[in-house]
């Protein structure tokens, strides 16, 4: 009888372990609106990227360099985004930040936008292929590219101040717009973000 009770107990415990194991491995997914702000770790996120890019592009397009160039050249300036260096302590997807700036520039309808150096290489390879395989009517000739008048480049820096379970994250984004004709810096912009992070198991 004692042996039978032990076997029953083992069976119950095994069943309970399987249930707990299945519950522990479950994953809950909640869909969110892409524009909803949700800070989980306090690190740089998609909201920071969008807000900083939009604010800084609004600022650069409101300055005098744009009107001066348009009046002198009788056309919109062509802008290209150069390197944005991540000098922070954490991994930041700079490509996403650059894409956010490109979108804000293009959608402003105030400037023309030139493809990046990486994109231009791909397009040039396509033109070479067209020289061999495309018809004369649809073939695009070499040497007709639009040159940029200004390059936008910058850096992302961070300062971390921590005490116990509290951490203060400070982000600083610096952007500079440079004239391709004479290397003049026609605009310098700066955006700062400060986040206070408090959690019970904060690790650095």
N, C-alpha and C. Protein backbone atom coordinates (compact mmCIF):
# COMPACT_ATOMS: atom_id res chain seq x y z
N UNK A 1 0.84 -1.21 0.00
CA UNK A 1 0.00 0.00 0.00
C UNK A 1 0.86 1.24 0.00
N UNK A 2 1.92 1.21 0.82
CA UNK A 2 2.83 2.34 0.91
C UNK A 2 3.48 2.59 -0.44
N UNK A 3 3.83 1.56 -1.16
CA UNK A 3 4.47 1.68 -2.48
C UNK A 3 3.51 2.31 -3.47
N UNK A 4 2.20 1.91 -3.40
CA UNK A 4 1.22 2.47 -4.33
C UNK A 4 1.05 3.96 -4.08
N UNK A 5 1.02 4.40 -2.80
CA UNK A 5 0.90 5.82 -2.48
C UNK A 5 2.10 6.59 -3.02
N UNK A 6 3.26 6.02 -2.94
CA UNK A 6 4.47 6.68 -3.43
C UNK A 6 4.42 6.86 -4.94
N UNK A 7 3.92 5.86 -5.63
CA UNK A 7 3.80 5.95 -7.09
C UNK A 7 2.79 7.03 -7.48
N UNK A 8 1.66 7.09 -6.73
CA UNK A 8 0.65 8.12 -7.01
C UNK A 8 1.20 9.52 -6.77
N UNK A 9 1.95 9.62 -5.69
CA UNK A 9 2.54 10.93 -5.37
C UNK A 9 3.51 11.36 -6.45
N UNK A 10 4.32 10.43 -6.92
CA UNK A 10 5.27 10.74 -7.98
C UNK A 10 4.56 11.17 -9.26
N UNK A 11 3.46 10.51 -9.57
CA UNK A 11 2.70 10.86 -10.78
C UNK A 11 2.12 12.26 -10.69
N UNK A 12 1.58 12.59 -9.48
CA UNK A 12 1.02 13.94 -9.28
C UNK A 12 2.11 15.00 -9.38
N UNK A 13 3.24 14.70 -8.77
CA UNK A 13 4.35 15.67 -8.80
C UNK A 13 4.87 15.87 -10.22
N UNK A 14 4.93 14.80 -10.99
CA UNK A 14 5.38 14.91 -12.38
C UNK A 14 4.42 15.75 -13.20
N UNK A 15 3.11 15.51 -12.99
CA UNK A 15 2.10 16.28 -13.72
C UNK A 15 2.18 17.76 -13.35
N UNK A 16 2.36 18.02 -12.06
CA UNK A 16 2.47 19.41 -11.60
C UNK A 16 3.70 20.08 -12.17
N UNK A 17 4.81 19.37 -12.24
CA UNK A 17 6.05 19.91 -12.80
C UNK A 17 5.87 20.25 -14.28
N UNK A 18 5.16 19.40 -15.02
CA UNK A 18 4.92 19.66 -16.44
C UNK A 18 4.07 20.91 -16.64
N UNK A 19 3.06 21.07 -15.77
CA UNK A 19 2.20 22.25 -15.86
C UNK A 19 2.99 23.51 -15.57
N UNK A 20 3.79 23.48 -14.51
CA UNK A 20 4.59 24.65 -14.15
C UNK A 20 5.61 24.98 -15.23
N UNK A 21 6.20 23.92 -15.81
CA UNK A 21 7.18 24.13 -16.88
C UNK A 21 6.54 24.78 -18.08
N UNK A 22 5.36 24.31 -18.45
CA UNK A 22 4.66 24.88 -19.61
C UNK A 22 4.27 26.32 -19.35
N UNK A 23 3.84 26.64 -18.11
CA UNK A 23 3.46 28.00 -17.76
C UNK A 23 4.67 28.92 -17.79
N UNK A 24 5.81 28.44 -17.30
CA UNK A 24 7.02 29.26 -17.25
C UNK A 24 7.57 29.58 -18.62
N UNK A 25 7.30 28.74 -19.62
CA UNK A 25 7.83 28.95 -20.96
C UNK A 25 6.89 29.74 -21.86
N UNK A 26 5.72 30.11 -21.35
CA UNK A 26 4.76 30.83 -22.19
C UNK A 26 5.24 32.24 -22.45
N UNK A 27 4.83 32.81 -23.58
CA UNK A 27 5.21 34.16 -23.98
C UNK A 27 3.96 34.99 -24.24
N UNK A 28 3.90 36.16 -23.62
CA UNK A 28 2.77 37.06 -23.81
C UNK A 28 3.19 38.21 -24.72
N UNK A 29 2.44 38.46 -25.77
CA UNK A 29 2.73 39.53 -26.72
C UNK A 29 1.56 40.50 -26.77
N UNK A 30 1.84 41.77 -26.56
CA UNK A 30 0.82 42.82 -26.64
C UNK A 30 1.19 43.79 -27.74
N UNK A 31 0.34 43.92 -28.73
CA UNK A 31 0.62 44.85 -29.82
C UNK A 31 0.38 46.28 -29.36
N UNK A 32 1.30 47.19 -29.78
CA UNK A 32 1.22 48.58 -29.39
C UNK A 32 1.20 49.47 -30.62
N UNK A 33 0.66 50.67 -30.45
CA UNK A 33 0.74 51.65 -31.52
C UNK A 33 2.19 52.08 -31.68
N UNK A 34 2.65 52.22 -32.92
CA UNK A 34 4.06 52.56 -33.18
C UNK A 34 4.44 53.90 -32.58
N UNK A 35 3.47 54.79 -32.39
CA UNK A 35 3.77 56.10 -31.85
C UNK A 35 3.69 56.18 -30.33
N UNK A 36 3.30 55.07 -29.68
CA UNK A 36 3.17 55.07 -28.22
C UNK A 36 4.54 55.06 -27.55
N UNK A 37 4.69 55.90 -26.53
CA UNK A 37 5.96 56.00 -25.81
C UNK A 37 6.00 54.93 -24.72
N UNK A 38 7.07 54.13 -24.73
CA UNK A 38 7.23 53.07 -23.73
C UNK A 38 8.70 52.91 -23.42
N UNK A 39 9.13 53.41 -22.27
CA UNK A 39 10.52 53.26 -21.83
C UNK A 39 10.62 52.05 -20.91
N UNK A 40 11.44 51.07 -21.30
CA UNK A 40 11.62 49.88 -20.48
C UNK A 40 12.91 49.92 -19.69
N UNK A 41 14.01 50.26 -20.34
CA UNK A 41 15.31 50.22 -19.68
C UNK A 41 15.88 51.60 -19.40
N UNK A 42 15.32 52.63 -20.03
CA UNK A 42 15.89 53.96 -19.90
C UNK A 42 16.93 54.26 -20.95
N UNK A 43 17.26 53.25 -21.77
CA UNK A 43 18.27 53.44 -22.82
C UNK A 43 17.65 54.18 -24.00
N UNK A 44 18.51 54.60 -24.94
CA UNK A 44 18.06 55.26 -26.16
C UNK A 44 17.10 54.33 -26.90
N UNK A 45 15.95 54.88 -27.33
CA UNK A 45 14.96 54.04 -28.00
C UNK A 45 14.38 54.73 -29.22
N UNK A 46 13.34 54.12 -29.81
CA UNK A 46 12.76 54.66 -31.04
C UNK A 46 12.13 56.03 -30.83
N UNK A 47 11.57 56.27 -29.66
CA UNK A 47 10.97 57.57 -29.37
C UNK A 47 12.02 58.66 -29.35
N UNK A 48 13.16 58.39 -28.71
CA UNK A 48 14.26 59.36 -28.68
C UNK A 48 14.73 59.67 -30.10
N UNK A 49 14.89 58.64 -30.91
CA UNK A 49 15.37 58.81 -32.27
C UNK A 49 14.43 59.70 -33.08
N UNK A 50 13.13 59.44 -33.00
CA UNK A 50 12.16 60.21 -33.77
C UNK A 50 12.07 61.65 -33.28
N UNK A 51 11.99 61.83 -31.96
CA UNK A 51 11.83 63.18 -31.42
C UNK A 51 13.05 64.05 -31.70
N UNK A 52 14.25 63.50 -31.48
CA UNK A 52 15.47 64.27 -31.70
C UNK A 52 15.62 64.63 -33.17
N UNK A 53 15.42 63.66 -34.06
CA UNK A 53 15.58 63.93 -35.49
C UNK A 53 14.59 64.99 -35.97
N UNK A 54 13.33 64.87 -35.57
CA UNK A 54 12.31 65.81 -36.03
C UNK A 54 12.57 67.22 -35.50
N UNK A 55 12.93 67.33 -34.23
CA UNK A 55 13.20 68.65 -33.64
C UNK A 55 14.41 69.32 -34.28
N UNK A 56 15.47 68.55 -34.50
CA UNK A 56 16.68 69.13 -35.05
C UNK A 56 16.51 69.49 -36.53
N UNK A 57 15.76 68.70 -37.27
CA UNK A 57 15.53 69.02 -38.67
C UNK A 57 14.65 70.26 -38.79
N UNK A 58 13.65 70.38 -37.90
CA UNK A 58 12.85 71.61 -37.89
C UNK A 58 13.71 72.83 -37.63
N UNK A 59 14.68 72.68 -36.73
CA UNK A 59 15.56 73.80 -36.38
C UNK A 59 16.47 74.17 -37.55
N UNK A 60 17.10 73.18 -38.16
CA UNK A 60 18.03 73.47 -39.25
C UNK A 60 17.32 74.11 -40.44
N UNK A 61 16.07 73.72 -40.68
CA UNK A 61 15.33 74.26 -41.82
C UNK A 61 14.73 75.63 -41.53
N UNK A 62 14.80 76.08 -40.28
CA UNK A 62 14.26 77.39 -39.92
C UNK A 62 15.34 78.47 -39.89
N UNK A 63 16.59 78.11 -40.16
CA UNK A 63 17.70 79.06 -40.06
C UNK A 63 17.96 79.79 -41.38
N UNK A 64 18.79 80.83 -41.30
CA UNK A 64 18.97 81.75 -42.43
C UNK A 64 19.70 81.13 -43.62
N UNK A 65 20.51 80.09 -43.41
CA UNK A 65 21.29 79.52 -44.51
C UNK A 65 20.39 79.06 -45.65
N UNK A 66 19.19 78.56 -45.32
CA UNK A 66 18.30 78.02 -46.34
C UNK A 66 17.79 79.12 -47.27
N UNK A 67 17.32 80.22 -46.68
CA UNK A 67 16.83 81.32 -47.50
C UNK A 67 17.93 81.98 -48.31
N UNK A 68 19.11 82.11 -47.71
CA UNK A 68 20.24 82.73 -48.41
C UNK A 68 20.65 81.90 -49.63
N UNK A 69 20.70 80.58 -49.46
CA UNK A 69 21.09 79.72 -50.58
C UNK A 69 20.02 79.75 -51.67
N UNK A 70 18.75 79.65 -51.28
CA UNK A 70 17.66 79.62 -52.26
C UNK A 70 17.60 80.91 -53.08
N UNK A 71 17.81 82.05 -52.43
CA UNK A 71 17.79 83.33 -53.15
C UNK A 71 18.98 83.45 -54.09
N UNK A 72 20.15 83.01 -53.64
CA UNK A 72 21.36 83.16 -54.45
C UNK A 72 21.39 82.18 -55.62
N UNK A 73 20.94 80.94 -55.40
CA UNK A 73 21.04 79.90 -56.42
C UNK A 73 19.74 79.68 -57.20
N UNK A 74 18.65 80.28 -56.73
CA UNK A 74 17.35 80.14 -57.41
C UNK A 74 16.87 78.69 -57.45
N UNK A 75 17.21 77.92 -56.45
CA UNK A 75 16.77 76.53 -56.37
C UNK A 75 16.91 76.03 -54.95
N UNK A 76 16.34 74.89 -54.67
CA UNK A 76 16.48 74.28 -53.35
C UNK A 76 17.87 73.66 -53.20
N UNK A 77 18.44 73.70 -52.00
CA UNK A 77 19.73 73.06 -51.80
C UNK A 77 19.60 71.54 -51.76
N UNK A 78 20.65 70.85 -52.21
CA UNK A 78 20.71 69.39 -52.12
C UNK A 78 21.51 69.01 -50.88
N UNK A 79 20.93 68.16 -50.04
CA UNK A 79 21.54 67.80 -48.76
C UNK A 79 21.80 66.30 -48.73
N UNK A 80 22.89 65.93 -48.11
CA UNK A 80 23.21 64.52 -47.87
C UNK A 80 23.56 64.34 -46.40
N UNK A 81 23.16 63.21 -45.82
CA UNK A 81 23.52 62.89 -44.44
C UNK A 81 24.80 62.07 -44.44
N UNK A 82 25.82 62.59 -43.77
CA UNK A 82 27.09 61.87 -43.66
C UNK A 82 27.11 60.99 -42.41
N UNK A 83 28.27 60.84 -41.82
CA UNK A 83 28.41 59.96 -40.66
C UNK A 83 27.82 60.60 -39.41
N UNK A 84 27.06 59.81 -38.67
CA UNK A 84 26.63 60.18 -37.32
C UNK A 84 27.28 59.16 -36.39
N UNK A 85 28.30 59.59 -35.68
CA UNK A 85 29.10 58.66 -34.87
C UNK A 85 28.47 58.44 -33.50
N UNK A 86 28.37 57.18 -33.12
CA UNK A 86 27.87 56.83 -31.79
C UNK A 86 29.05 56.79 -30.82
N UNK A 87 29.20 57.83 -30.02
CA UNK A 87 30.28 57.91 -29.04
C UNK A 87 29.78 57.61 -27.64
N UNK A 88 28.58 57.07 -27.55
CA UNK A 88 27.97 56.79 -26.25
C UNK A 88 28.50 55.49 -25.67
N UNK A 89 28.07 55.20 -24.44
CA UNK A 89 28.49 53.98 -23.75
C UNK A 89 27.66 52.78 -24.16
N UNK A 90 26.57 52.99 -24.90
CA UNK A 90 25.65 51.90 -25.22
C UNK A 90 25.51 51.73 -26.73
N UNK A 91 24.93 50.60 -27.11
CA UNK A 91 24.68 50.36 -28.53
C UNK A 91 23.48 51.18 -28.97
N UNK A 92 23.66 52.01 -29.98
CA UNK A 92 22.58 52.80 -30.56
C UNK A 92 22.53 52.52 -32.05
N UNK A 93 21.35 52.19 -32.53
CA UNK A 93 21.18 51.93 -33.96
C UNK A 93 21.19 53.27 -34.70
N UNK A 94 22.38 53.68 -35.11
CA UNK A 94 22.55 54.97 -35.78
C UNK A 94 21.81 54.98 -37.11
N UNK A 95 21.72 53.84 -37.78
CA UNK A 95 21.03 53.78 -39.07
C UNK A 95 19.57 54.21 -38.95
N UNK A 96 18.93 53.83 -37.86
CA UNK A 96 17.54 54.23 -37.64
C UNK A 96 17.44 55.73 -37.43
N UNK A 97 18.38 56.30 -36.68
CA UNK A 97 18.39 57.74 -36.43
C UNK A 97 18.62 58.50 -37.74
N UNK A 98 19.55 58.04 -38.55
CA UNK A 98 19.82 58.67 -39.85
C UNK A 98 18.58 58.59 -40.73
N UNK A 99 17.90 57.43 -40.73
CA UNK A 99 16.69 57.27 -41.53
C UNK A 99 15.60 58.24 -41.08
N UNK A 100 15.49 58.45 -39.77
CA UNK A 100 14.51 59.40 -39.26
C UNK A 100 14.82 60.81 -39.74
N UNK A 101 16.10 61.19 -39.77
CA UNK A 101 16.48 62.52 -40.26
C UNK A 101 16.22 62.65 -41.75
N UNK A 102 16.55 61.61 -42.50
CA UNK A 102 16.31 61.63 -43.94
C UNK A 102 14.82 61.83 -44.25
N UNK A 103 13.99 61.11 -43.51
CA UNK A 103 12.55 61.22 -43.73
C UNK A 103 12.06 62.64 -43.42
N UNK A 104 12.54 63.22 -42.31
CA UNK A 104 12.13 64.57 -41.94
C UNK A 104 12.59 65.59 -42.98
N UNK A 105 13.79 65.42 -43.52
CA UNK A 105 14.30 66.34 -44.55
C UNK A 105 13.48 66.24 -45.83
N UNK A 106 13.25 65.02 -46.29
CA UNK A 106 12.53 64.82 -47.54
C UNK A 106 11.10 65.33 -47.44
N UNK A 107 10.44 65.01 -46.32
CA UNK A 107 9.04 65.39 -46.15
C UNK A 107 8.85 66.88 -45.92
N UNK A 108 9.92 67.61 -45.65
CA UNK A 108 9.81 69.05 -45.44
C UNK A 108 9.51 69.80 -46.74
N UNK A 109 9.87 69.21 -47.88
CA UNK A 109 9.71 69.84 -49.20
C UNK A 109 10.50 71.14 -49.33
N UNK A 110 11.51 71.32 -48.48
CA UNK A 110 12.32 72.54 -48.53
C UNK A 110 13.71 72.30 -49.10
N UNK A 111 14.12 71.05 -49.17
CA UNK A 111 15.43 70.71 -49.70
C UNK A 111 15.31 69.49 -50.61
N UNK A 112 16.30 69.34 -51.50
CA UNK A 112 16.44 68.10 -52.25
C UNK A 112 17.36 67.18 -51.46
N UNK A 113 17.17 65.88 -51.62
CA UNK A 113 17.95 64.94 -50.82
C UNK A 113 18.74 64.02 -51.73
N UNK A 114 20.01 63.88 -51.43
CA UNK A 114 20.92 63.08 -52.26
C UNK A 114 21.19 61.73 -51.58
N UNK A 115 21.28 60.68 -52.37
CA UNK A 115 21.54 59.34 -51.85
C UNK A 115 22.90 59.28 -51.16
N UNK A 116 23.01 58.41 -50.18
CA UNK A 116 24.25 58.25 -49.43
C UNK A 116 25.32 57.60 -50.29
N UNK A 117 26.55 57.61 -49.81
CA UNK A 117 27.66 57.03 -50.57
C UNK A 117 27.45 55.55 -50.83
N UNK A 118 26.92 54.82 -49.85
CA UNK A 118 26.65 53.39 -50.03
C UNK A 118 25.56 53.18 -51.08
N UNK A 119 24.52 53.99 -51.01
CA UNK A 119 23.43 53.87 -51.99
C UNK A 119 23.90 54.23 -53.39
N UNK A 120 24.78 55.23 -53.50
CA UNK A 120 25.28 55.64 -54.81
C UNK A 120 26.08 54.54 -55.48
N UNK A 121 26.85 53.80 -54.70
CA UNK A 121 27.63 52.69 -55.26
C UNK A 121 26.71 51.64 -55.88
N UNK A 122 25.61 51.34 -55.19
CA UNK A 122 24.67 50.36 -55.71
C UNK A 122 24.01 50.87 -57.00
N UNK A 123 23.67 52.16 -57.01
CA UNK A 123 23.03 52.74 -58.20
C UNK A 123 24.01 52.77 -59.37
N UNK A 124 25.28 53.07 -59.11
CA UNK A 124 26.28 53.09 -60.18
C UNK A 124 26.48 51.70 -60.78
N UNK A 125 26.44 50.68 -59.94
CA UNK A 125 26.53 49.32 -60.46
C UNK A 125 25.35 49.02 -61.38
N UNK A 126 24.17 49.53 -61.02
CA UNK A 126 22.99 49.32 -61.85
C UNK A 126 23.15 50.05 -63.19
N UNK A 127 23.72 51.25 -63.17
CA UNK A 127 23.94 51.98 -64.42
C UNK A 127 24.90 51.24 -65.34
N UNK A 128 25.93 50.66 -64.75
CA UNK A 128 26.88 49.88 -65.54
C UNK A 128 26.18 48.69 -66.19
N UNK A 129 25.29 48.05 -65.43
CA UNK A 129 24.55 46.93 -65.96
C UNK A 129 23.62 47.39 -67.09
N UNK A 130 23.03 48.58 -66.94
CA UNK A 130 22.16 49.12 -67.98
C UNK A 130 22.93 49.39 -69.27
N UNK A 131 24.19 49.82 -69.15
CA UNK A 131 25.00 50.08 -70.34
C UNK A 131 25.12 48.84 -71.21
N UNK A 132 25.09 47.67 -70.56
CA UNK A 132 25.24 46.42 -71.31
C UNK A 132 23.91 45.81 -71.73
N UNK A 133 22.88 45.99 -70.89
CA UNK A 133 21.67 45.20 -71.10
C UNK A 133 20.40 46.01 -71.37
N UNK A 134 20.37 47.30 -71.00
CA UNK A 134 19.14 48.07 -71.18
C UNK A 134 19.08 48.68 -72.58
N UNK A 135 17.87 48.96 -73.04
CA UNK A 135 17.70 49.58 -74.35
C UNK A 135 18.20 51.02 -74.33
N UNK A 136 18.46 51.56 -75.50
CA UNK A 136 18.96 52.93 -75.61
C UNK A 136 17.97 53.94 -75.03
N UNK A 137 16.69 53.65 -75.19
CA UNK A 137 15.66 54.58 -74.73
C UNK A 137 15.60 54.64 -73.20
N UNK A 138 15.76 53.50 -72.54
CA UNK A 138 15.61 53.44 -71.07
C UNK A 138 16.94 53.52 -70.33
N UNK A 139 18.05 53.44 -71.03
CA UNK A 139 19.37 53.45 -70.39
C UNK A 139 19.65 54.82 -69.75
N UNK A 140 20.19 54.81 -68.52
CA UNK A 140 20.55 56.04 -67.82
C UNK A 140 22.05 56.25 -67.92
N UNK A 141 22.49 57.41 -68.45
CA UNK A 141 23.91 57.64 -68.68
C UNK A 141 24.68 57.96 -67.39
N UNK A 142 25.97 57.69 -67.42
CA UNK A 142 26.86 58.06 -66.32
C UNK A 142 27.10 59.58 -66.34
N UNK A 143 27.55 60.09 -65.20
CA UNK A 143 27.95 61.50 -65.14
C UNK A 143 26.82 62.48 -65.03
N UNK A 144 25.62 62.02 -64.66
CA UNK A 144 24.47 62.92 -64.54
C UNK A 144 23.96 63.03 -63.10
N UNK A 145 24.77 62.62 -62.14
CA UNK A 145 24.32 62.61 -60.75
C UNK A 145 24.18 64.03 -60.19
N UNK A 146 23.27 64.17 -59.24
CA UNK A 146 23.07 65.43 -58.54
C UNK A 146 24.05 65.52 -57.39
N UNK A 147 24.90 66.53 -57.41
CA UNK A 147 25.87 66.71 -56.34
C UNK A 147 25.26 67.41 -55.14
N UNK A 148 25.68 67.04 -53.95
CA UNK A 148 25.16 67.64 -52.73
C UNK A 148 25.77 69.02 -52.51
N UNK A 149 24.98 69.94 -52.00
CA UNK A 149 25.46 71.27 -51.64
C UNK A 149 25.88 71.33 -50.18
N UNK A 150 25.24 70.49 -49.34
CA UNK A 150 25.52 70.50 -47.90
C UNK A 150 25.52 69.08 -47.37
N UNK A 151 26.37 68.84 -46.37
CA UNK A 151 26.39 67.55 -45.68
C UNK A 151 26.04 67.76 -44.21
N UNK A 152 25.13 66.90 -43.73
CA UNK A 152 24.73 66.92 -42.33
C UNK A 152 25.39 65.75 -41.62
N UNK A 153 26.16 66.03 -40.58
CA UNK A 153 26.85 64.97 -39.84
C UNK A 153 26.88 65.31 -38.36
N UNK A 154 27.23 64.33 -37.52
CA UNK A 154 27.22 64.63 -36.09
C UNK A 154 27.65 63.47 -35.21
N UNK A 155 27.34 63.60 -33.92
CA UNK A 155 27.73 62.62 -32.90
C UNK A 155 26.61 62.45 -31.88
N UNK A 156 26.61 61.28 -31.24
CA UNK A 156 25.71 61.01 -30.11
C UNK A 156 26.59 60.64 -28.92
N UNK A 157 26.45 61.39 -27.83
CA UNK A 157 27.25 61.16 -26.62
C UNK A 157 26.34 60.90 -25.42
N UNK A 158 26.88 60.23 -24.41
CA UNK A 158 26.13 60.00 -23.18
C UNK A 158 27.00 60.25 -21.96
N UNK A 159 26.34 60.63 -20.88
CA UNK A 159 26.97 60.73 -19.56
C UNK A 159 26.07 59.97 -18.59
N UNK A 160 26.66 59.06 -17.82
CA UNK A 160 25.89 58.26 -16.86
C UNK A 160 26.33 58.64 -15.45
N UNK A 161 25.33 59.00 -14.62
CA UNK A 161 25.58 59.29 -13.21
C UNK A 161 24.72 58.34 -12.39
N UNK A 162 25.34 57.52 -11.55
CA UNK A 162 24.60 56.49 -10.83
C UNK A 162 24.92 56.52 -9.35
N UNK A 163 23.90 56.24 -8.54
CA UNK A 163 24.06 56.11 -7.10
C UNK A 163 23.08 55.07 -6.61
N UNK A 164 23.60 53.96 -6.11
CA UNK A 164 22.74 52.89 -5.62
C UNK A 164 21.87 52.33 -6.74
N UNK A 165 20.57 52.39 -6.55
CA UNK A 165 19.63 51.85 -7.52
C UNK A 165 19.07 52.93 -8.44
N UNK A 166 19.63 54.11 -8.37
CA UNK A 166 19.16 55.22 -9.20
C UNK A 166 20.23 55.60 -10.22
N UNK A 167 19.79 55.81 -11.44
CA UNK A 167 20.73 56.15 -12.52
C UNK A 167 20.18 57.33 -13.32
N UNK A 168 21.06 58.29 -13.61
CA UNK A 168 20.69 59.43 -14.43
C UNK A 168 21.41 59.29 -15.77
N UNK A 169 20.63 59.17 -16.85
CA UNK A 169 21.19 59.02 -18.19
C UNK A 169 21.03 60.34 -18.93
N UNK A 170 22.16 60.85 -19.44
CA UNK A 170 22.16 62.12 -20.16
C UNK A 170 22.66 61.88 -21.58
N UNK A 171 21.81 62.19 -22.56
CA UNK A 171 22.17 62.04 -23.97
C UNK A 171 22.33 63.41 -24.61
N UNK A 172 23.37 63.55 -25.41
CA UNK A 172 23.58 64.80 -26.14
C UNK A 172 23.87 64.48 -27.60
N UNK A 173 23.04 65.03 -28.48
CA UNK A 173 23.20 64.85 -29.92
C UNK A 173 23.65 66.18 -30.52
N UNK A 174 24.77 66.16 -31.20
CA UNK A 174 25.31 67.35 -31.87
C UNK A 174 25.34 67.10 -33.37
N UNK A 175 24.73 68.01 -34.13
CA UNK A 175 24.72 67.92 -35.58
C UNK A 175 25.29 69.19 -36.19
N UNK A 176 25.96 69.03 -37.32
CA UNK A 176 26.56 70.17 -38.02
C UNK A 176 26.22 70.07 -39.50
N UNK A 177 25.82 71.19 -40.10
CA UNK A 177 25.55 71.26 -41.53
C UNK A 177 26.71 72.01 -42.18
N UNK A 178 27.40 71.35 -43.12
CA UNK A 178 28.63 71.88 -43.71
C UNK A 178 28.43 72.11 -45.20
N UNK A 179 28.88 73.27 -45.67
CA UNK A 179 28.82 73.58 -47.09
C UNK A 179 29.87 72.77 -47.83
N UNK A 180 29.46 72.06 -48.88
CA UNK A 180 30.39 71.26 -49.66
C UNK A 180 31.30 72.13 -50.51
N UNK A 181 30.87 73.35 -50.81
CA UNK A 181 31.66 74.22 -51.68
C UNK A 181 32.89 74.79 -50.99
N UNK A 182 32.74 75.16 -49.70
CA UNK A 182 33.86 75.84 -49.03
C UNK A 182 34.07 75.40 -47.59
N UNK A 183 33.43 74.29 -47.18
CA UNK A 183 33.61 73.72 -45.83
C UNK A 183 33.09 74.62 -44.71
N UNK A 184 32.27 75.60 -45.02
CA UNK A 184 31.70 76.44 -43.98
C UNK A 184 30.66 75.66 -43.18
N UNK A 185 30.65 75.86 -41.88
CA UNK A 185 29.62 75.31 -41.03
C UNK A 185 28.49 76.34 -40.97
N UNK A 186 27.39 76.03 -41.65
CA UNK A 186 26.31 77.00 -41.76
C UNK A 186 25.27 76.82 -40.66
N UNK A 187 25.31 75.69 -39.96
CA UNK A 187 24.38 75.46 -38.84
C UNK A 187 24.98 74.42 -37.90
N UNK A 188 24.82 74.68 -36.59
CA UNK A 188 25.22 73.72 -35.56
C UNK A 188 24.05 73.56 -34.61
N UNK A 189 23.58 72.34 -34.46
CA UNK A 189 22.44 72.08 -33.59
C UNK A 189 22.78 71.10 -32.48
N UNK A 190 22.04 71.24 -31.38
CA UNK A 190 22.28 70.37 -30.23
C UNK A 190 20.96 70.04 -29.55
N UNK A 191 20.80 68.78 -29.21
CA UNK A 191 19.62 68.32 -28.48
C UNK A 191 20.05 67.46 -27.31
N UNK A 192 19.45 67.74 -26.13
CA UNK A 192 19.80 67.00 -24.93
C UNK A 192 18.58 66.27 -24.38
N UNK A 193 18.81 65.05 -23.91
CA UNK A 193 17.76 64.25 -23.28
C UNK A 193 18.29 63.76 -21.93
N UNK A 194 17.47 63.92 -20.89
CA UNK A 194 17.87 63.45 -19.56
C UNK A 194 16.80 62.51 -19.02
N UNK A 195 17.25 61.32 -18.56
CA UNK A 195 16.33 60.31 -18.05
C UNK A 195 16.76 59.86 -16.66
N UNK A 196 15.79 59.82 -15.75
CA UNK A 196 16.04 59.29 -14.41
C UNK A 196 15.48 57.88 -14.36
N UNK A 197 16.34 56.91 -14.08
CA UNK A 197 15.96 55.50 -14.08
C UNK A 197 16.09 54.96 -12.65
N UNK A 198 15.02 54.42 -12.12
CA UNK A 198 15.02 53.84 -10.77
C UNK A 198 14.43 52.45 -10.83
N UNK A 199 15.18 51.48 -10.40
CA UNK A 199 14.67 50.11 -10.37
C UNK A 199 15.32 49.35 -9.24
N UNK A 200 14.69 48.24 -8.83
CA UNK A 200 15.15 47.51 -7.65
C UNK A 200 16.42 46.72 -7.89
N UNK A 201 16.64 46.29 -9.16
CA UNK A 201 17.82 45.45 -9.47
C UNK A 201 18.66 46.10 -10.56
N UNK A 202 18.94 47.40 -10.45
CA UNK A 202 19.67 48.13 -11.45
C UNK A 202 21.10 47.61 -11.54
N UNK A 203 21.52 47.29 -12.76
CA UNK A 203 22.89 46.82 -13.01
C UNK A 203 23.57 47.77 -13.97
N UNK A 204 24.89 47.91 -13.82
CA UNK A 204 25.67 48.83 -14.67
C UNK A 204 26.74 48.06 -15.41
